[in-house]
Amino acid sequence: MSTEDAFWGTWEMDVAASDYGDRPMPLQATYVIRPNHDTSGYTFDMAWASGDGQVMTACFDAIPDGERYPFGDPAQGGAIALV
């Protein structure tokens, strides 16, 4: 991971360009991606407003090594991989 990574920063979800399949679409979402120097990966801070306006947040760390790591609800396929 370089010291200047174009992936880092604050990102706003483009609702018009997003496809959530049969899951409810958030009204809006913001993602802050920053380096995690302890793991040589990234920390993701997320905040979004559900369709009924309820604000939710989540945070996770991930390493861009292509491996699948447990994430969220295993019953919903809870895993994440970064490449």
N, C-alpha and C. Protein backbone atom coordinates (compact mmCIF):
# COMPACT_ATOMS: atom_id res chain seq x y z
N MET A 1 0.86 -1.18 0.00
CA MET A 1 0.00 0.00 0.00
C MET A 1 0.90 1.23 0.00
N SER A 2 0.63 2.14 -0.89
CA SER A 2 1.45 3.34 -0.99
C SER A 2 1.04 4.37 0.07
N THR A 3 1.91 5.34 0.28
CA THR A 3 1.59 6.39 1.25
C THR A 3 0.53 7.34 0.72
N GLU A 4 0.36 7.40 -0.58
CA GLU A 4 -0.69 8.22 -1.20
C GLU A 4 -1.56 7.29 -2.03
N ASP A 5 -2.68 6.90 -1.50
CA ASP A 5 -3.54 5.91 -2.16
C ASP A 5 -4.83 6.59 -2.62
N ALA A 6 -5.14 6.49 -3.91
CA ALA A 6 -6.34 7.12 -4.47
C ALA A 6 -7.63 6.53 -3.90
N PHE A 7 -7.53 5.39 -3.25
CA PHE A 7 -8.70 4.74 -2.64
C PHE A 7 -9.12 5.43 -1.36
N TRP A 8 -8.16 6.07 -0.67
CA TRP A 8 -8.44 6.75 0.59
C TRP A 8 -9.32 7.96 0.35
N GLY A 9 -10.12 8.31 1.34
CA GLY A 9 -10.90 9.53 1.24
C GLY A 9 -12.33 9.32 1.69
N THR A 10 -13.15 10.30 1.41
CA THR A 10 -14.57 10.26 1.73
C THR A 10 -15.35 10.11 0.44
N TRP A 11 -16.23 9.13 0.41
CA TRP A 11 -16.99 8.80 -0.79
C TRP A 11 -18.47 8.87 -0.48
N GLU A 12 -19.23 9.46 -1.38
CA GLU A 12 -20.68 9.54 -1.27
C GLU A 12 -21.30 8.56 -2.27
N MET A 13 -22.27 7.77 -1.82
CA MET A 13 -22.94 6.83 -2.70
C MET A 13 -23.75 7.57 -3.76
N ASP A 14 -23.62 7.14 -4.99
CA ASP A 14 -24.43 7.65 -6.10
C ASP A 14 -25.66 6.75 -6.20
N VAL A 15 -26.77 7.19 -5.62
CA VAL A 15 -27.98 6.37 -5.56
C VAL A 15 -28.44 5.95 -6.95
N ALA A 16 -28.37 6.85 -7.92
CA ALA A 16 -28.84 6.55 -9.28
C ALA A 16 -28.00 5.46 -9.94
N ALA A 17 -26.73 5.33 -9.56
CA ALA A 17 -25.85 4.34 -10.18
C ALA A 17 -25.72 3.07 -9.34
N SER A 18 -26.47 2.97 -8.26
CA SER A 18 -26.34 1.84 -7.35
C SER A 18 -27.43 0.81 -7.58
N ASP A 19 -27.08 -0.46 -7.40
CA ASP A 19 -28.03 -1.56 -7.56
C ASP A 19 -27.96 -2.44 -6.32
N TYR A 20 -28.99 -2.45 -5.53
CA TYR A 20 -29.03 -3.24 -4.31
C TYR A 20 -29.86 -4.51 -4.51
N GLY A 21 -30.17 -4.83 -5.76
CA GLY A 21 -30.95 -6.04 -6.03
C GLY A 21 -32.29 -5.98 -5.34
N ASP A 22 -32.63 -7.03 -4.59
CA ASP A 22 -33.93 -7.06 -3.91
C ASP A 22 -33.85 -6.51 -2.49
N ARG A 23 -32.71 -5.96 -2.11
CA ARG A 23 -32.56 -5.35 -0.79
C ARG A 23 -32.98 -3.89 -0.84
N PRO A 24 -33.44 -3.33 0.29
CA PRO A 24 -33.86 -1.92 0.30
C PRO A 24 -32.69 -0.98 0.00
N MET A 25 -32.94 0.00 -0.81
CA MET A 25 -31.93 1.00 -1.20
C MET A 25 -31.83 2.07 -0.12
N PRO A 26 -30.62 2.39 0.35
CA PRO A 26 -30.48 3.51 1.29
C PRO A 26 -30.85 4.83 0.61
N LEU A 27 -31.25 5.80 1.41
CA LEU A 27 -31.51 7.14 0.88
C LEU A 27 -30.20 7.83 0.54
N GLN A 28 -29.18 7.57 1.34
CA GLN A 28 -27.84 8.13 1.11
C GLN A 28 -26.85 7.33 1.92
N ALA A 29 -25.57 7.41 1.53
CA ALA A 29 -24.52 6.71 2.27
C ALA A 29 -23.19 7.44 2.08
N THR A 30 -22.40 7.45 3.13
CA THR A 30 -21.07 8.04 3.09
C THR A 30 -20.08 7.00 3.60
N TYR A 31 -18.96 6.88 2.90
CA TYR A 31 -17.92 5.93 3.25
C TYR A 31 -16.60 6.69 3.42
N VAL A 32 -15.93 6.49 4.53
CA VAL A 32 -14.60 7.08 4.74
C VAL A 32 -13.63 5.90 4.75
N ILE A 33 -12.65 5.93 3.84
CA ILE A 33 -11.68 4.86 3.72
C ILE A 33 -10.31 5.45 4.03
N ARG A 34 -9.63 4.81 4.98
CA ARG A 34 -8.34 5.33 5.43
C ARG A 34 -7.39 4.18 5.68
N PRO A 35 -6.08 4.47 5.71
CA PRO A 35 -5.12 3.40 5.94
C PRO A 35 -5.21 2.87 7.37
N ASN A 36 -4.98 1.58 7.52
CA ASN A 36 -4.87 0.96 8.83
C ASN A 36 -3.43 0.48 8.94
N HIS A 37 -2.62 1.21 9.65
CA HIS A 37 -1.19 0.91 9.71
C HIS A 37 -0.89 -0.33 10.54
N ASP A 38 -1.83 -0.78 11.39
CA ASP A 38 -1.62 -2.00 12.17
C ASP A 38 -1.71 -3.25 11.31
N THR A 39 -2.54 -3.21 10.24
CA THR A 39 -2.77 -4.40 9.43
C THR A 39 -2.26 -4.27 8.00
N SER A 40 -1.72 -3.12 7.64
CA SER A 40 -1.33 -2.83 6.25
C SER A 40 -2.54 -2.90 5.32
N GLY A 41 -3.69 -2.62 5.86
CA GLY A 41 -4.92 -2.65 5.07
C GLY A 41 -5.65 -1.32 5.16
N TYR A 42 -6.97 -1.40 5.15
CA TYR A 42 -7.82 -0.22 5.18
C TYR A 42 -8.82 -0.31 6.33
N THR A 43 -9.23 0.84 6.83
CA THR A 43 -10.36 0.93 7.75
C THR A 43 -11.48 1.63 7.00
N PHE A 44 -12.67 1.05 7.06
CA PHE A 44 -13.86 1.59 6.39
C PHE A 44 -14.84 2.05 7.47
N ASP A 45 -15.18 3.33 7.46
CA ASP A 45 -16.22 3.87 8.33
C ASP A 45 -17.40 4.20 7.43
N MET A 46 -18.57 3.64 7.75
CA MET A 46 -19.74 3.82 6.89
C MET A 46 -20.89 4.41 7.69
N ALA A 47 -21.65 5.28 7.05
CA ALA A 47 -22.87 5.83 7.64
C ALA A 47 -23.89 5.94 6.52
N TRP A 48 -25.11 5.49 6.79
CA TRP A 48 -26.14 5.56 5.75
C TRP A 48 -27.50 5.75 6.38
N ALA A 49 -28.42 6.26 5.58
CA ALA A 49 -29.81 6.45 6.00
C ALA A 49 -30.65 5.44 5.24
N SER A 50 -31.37 4.61 5.98
CA SER A 50 -32.24 3.61 5.36
C SER A 50 -33.42 4.29 4.68
N GLY A 51 -34.18 3.52 3.95
CA GLY A 51 -35.34 4.06 3.23
C GLY A 51 -36.33 4.78 4.12
N ASP A 52 -36.40 4.39 5.40
CA ASP A 52 -37.32 5.06 6.33
C ASP A 52 -36.63 6.17 7.12
N GLY A 53 -35.37 6.50 6.73
CA GLY A 53 -34.66 7.61 7.35
C GLY A 53 -33.85 7.26 8.57
N GLN A 54 -33.84 5.99 8.99
CA GLN A 54 -33.04 5.58 10.15
C GLN A 54 -31.56 5.62 9.79
N VAL A 55 -30.76 6.32 10.62
CA VAL A 55 -29.33 6.44 10.38
C VAL A 55 -28.61 5.26 11.04
N MET A 56 -27.72 4.62 10.26
CA MET A 56 -26.96 3.48 10.76
C MET A 56 -25.49 3.69 10.45
N THR A 57 -24.64 3.04 11.25
CA THR A 57 -23.20 3.14 11.03
C THR A 57 -22.57 1.75 11.17
N ALA A 58 -21.41 1.61 10.56
CA ALA A 58 -20.62 0.39 10.69
C ALA A 58 -19.17 0.74 10.42
N CYS A 59 -18.27 -0.07 10.95
CA CYS A 59 -16.84 0.12 10.73
C CYS A 59 -16.20 -1.25 10.62
N PHE A 60 -15.27 -1.41 9.68
CA PHE A 60 -14.53 -2.66 9.60
C PHE A 60 -13.16 -2.40 9.00
N ASP A 61 -12.25 -3.33 9.25
CA ASP A 61 -10.91 -3.29 8.69
C ASP A 61 -10.79 -4.42 7.67
N ALA A 62 -10.04 -4.19 6.60
CA ALA A 62 -9.84 -5.21 5.58
C ALA A 62 -8.46 -5.04 4.95
N ILE A 63 -7.90 -6.17 4.52
CA ILE A 63 -6.59 -6.18 3.88
C ILE A 63 -6.80 -6.53 2.40
N PRO A 64 -6.23 -5.76 1.48
CA PRO A 64 -6.42 -6.04 0.05
C PRO A 64 -5.52 -7.18 -0.44
N ASP A 65 -5.83 -8.42 0.02
CA ASP A 65 -5.03 -9.58 -0.35
C ASP A 65 -5.82 -10.64 -1.11
N GLY A 66 -7.10 -10.34 -1.43
CA GLY A 66 -7.92 -11.28 -2.19
C GLY A 66 -8.53 -12.39 -1.36
N GLU A 67 -8.18 -12.50 -0.09
CA GLU A 67 -8.73 -13.53 0.79
C GLU A 67 -10.11 -13.10 1.30
N ARG A 68 -11.00 -14.09 1.51
CA ARG A 68 -12.32 -13.81 2.08
C ARG A 68 -12.22 -13.85 3.60
N TYR A 69 -12.78 -12.81 4.25
CA TYR A 69 -12.79 -12.72 5.70
C TYR A 69 -14.23 -12.60 6.16
N PRO A 70 -14.57 -13.19 7.33
CA PRO A 70 -15.93 -13.06 7.86
C PRO A 70 -16.30 -11.59 8.03
N PHE A 71 -17.55 -11.27 7.70
CA PHE A 71 -18.05 -9.91 7.84
C PHE A 71 -19.56 -9.95 7.94
N GLY A 72 -20.10 -9.29 8.93
CA GLY A 72 -21.55 -9.18 9.05
C GLY A 72 -22.22 -10.50 9.38
N ASP A 73 -23.38 -10.70 8.83
CA ASP A 73 -24.23 -11.85 9.13
C ASP A 73 -23.87 -13.03 8.24
N PRO A 74 -23.34 -14.13 8.82
CA PRO A 74 -22.99 -15.29 8.00
C PRO A 74 -24.18 -15.86 7.23
N ALA A 75 -25.39 -15.71 7.77
CA ALA A 75 -26.58 -16.22 7.10
C ALA A 75 -26.87 -15.48 5.80
N GLN A 76 -26.29 -14.28 5.64
CA GLN A 76 -26.47 -13.51 4.42
C GLN A 76 -25.18 -13.51 3.59
N GLY A 77 -24.36 -14.52 3.77
CA GLY A 77 -23.11 -14.61 3.01
C GLY A 77 -22.06 -13.67 3.54
N GLY A 78 -22.07 -13.43 4.83
CA GLY A 78 -21.22 -12.42 5.46
C GLY A 78 -19.73 -12.65 5.31
N ALA A 79 -19.19 -12.22 4.19
CA ALA A 79 -17.74 -12.27 3.97
C ALA A 79 -17.37 -11.11 3.06
N ILE A 80 -16.10 -10.70 3.16
CA ILE A 80 -15.64 -9.61 2.32
C ILE A 80 -14.23 -9.94 1.84
N ALA A 81 -13.93 -9.55 0.61
CA ALA A 81 -12.58 -9.72 0.06
C ALA A 81 -12.23 -8.45 -0.70
N LEU A 82 -11.02 -7.97 -0.49
CA LEU A 82 -10.52 -6.81 -1.24
C LEU A 82 -9.36 -7.27 -2.11
N VAL A 83 -9.35 -6.77 -3.34
CA VAL A 83 -8.24 -7.09 -4.25
C VAL A 83 -7.63 -5.82 -4.79
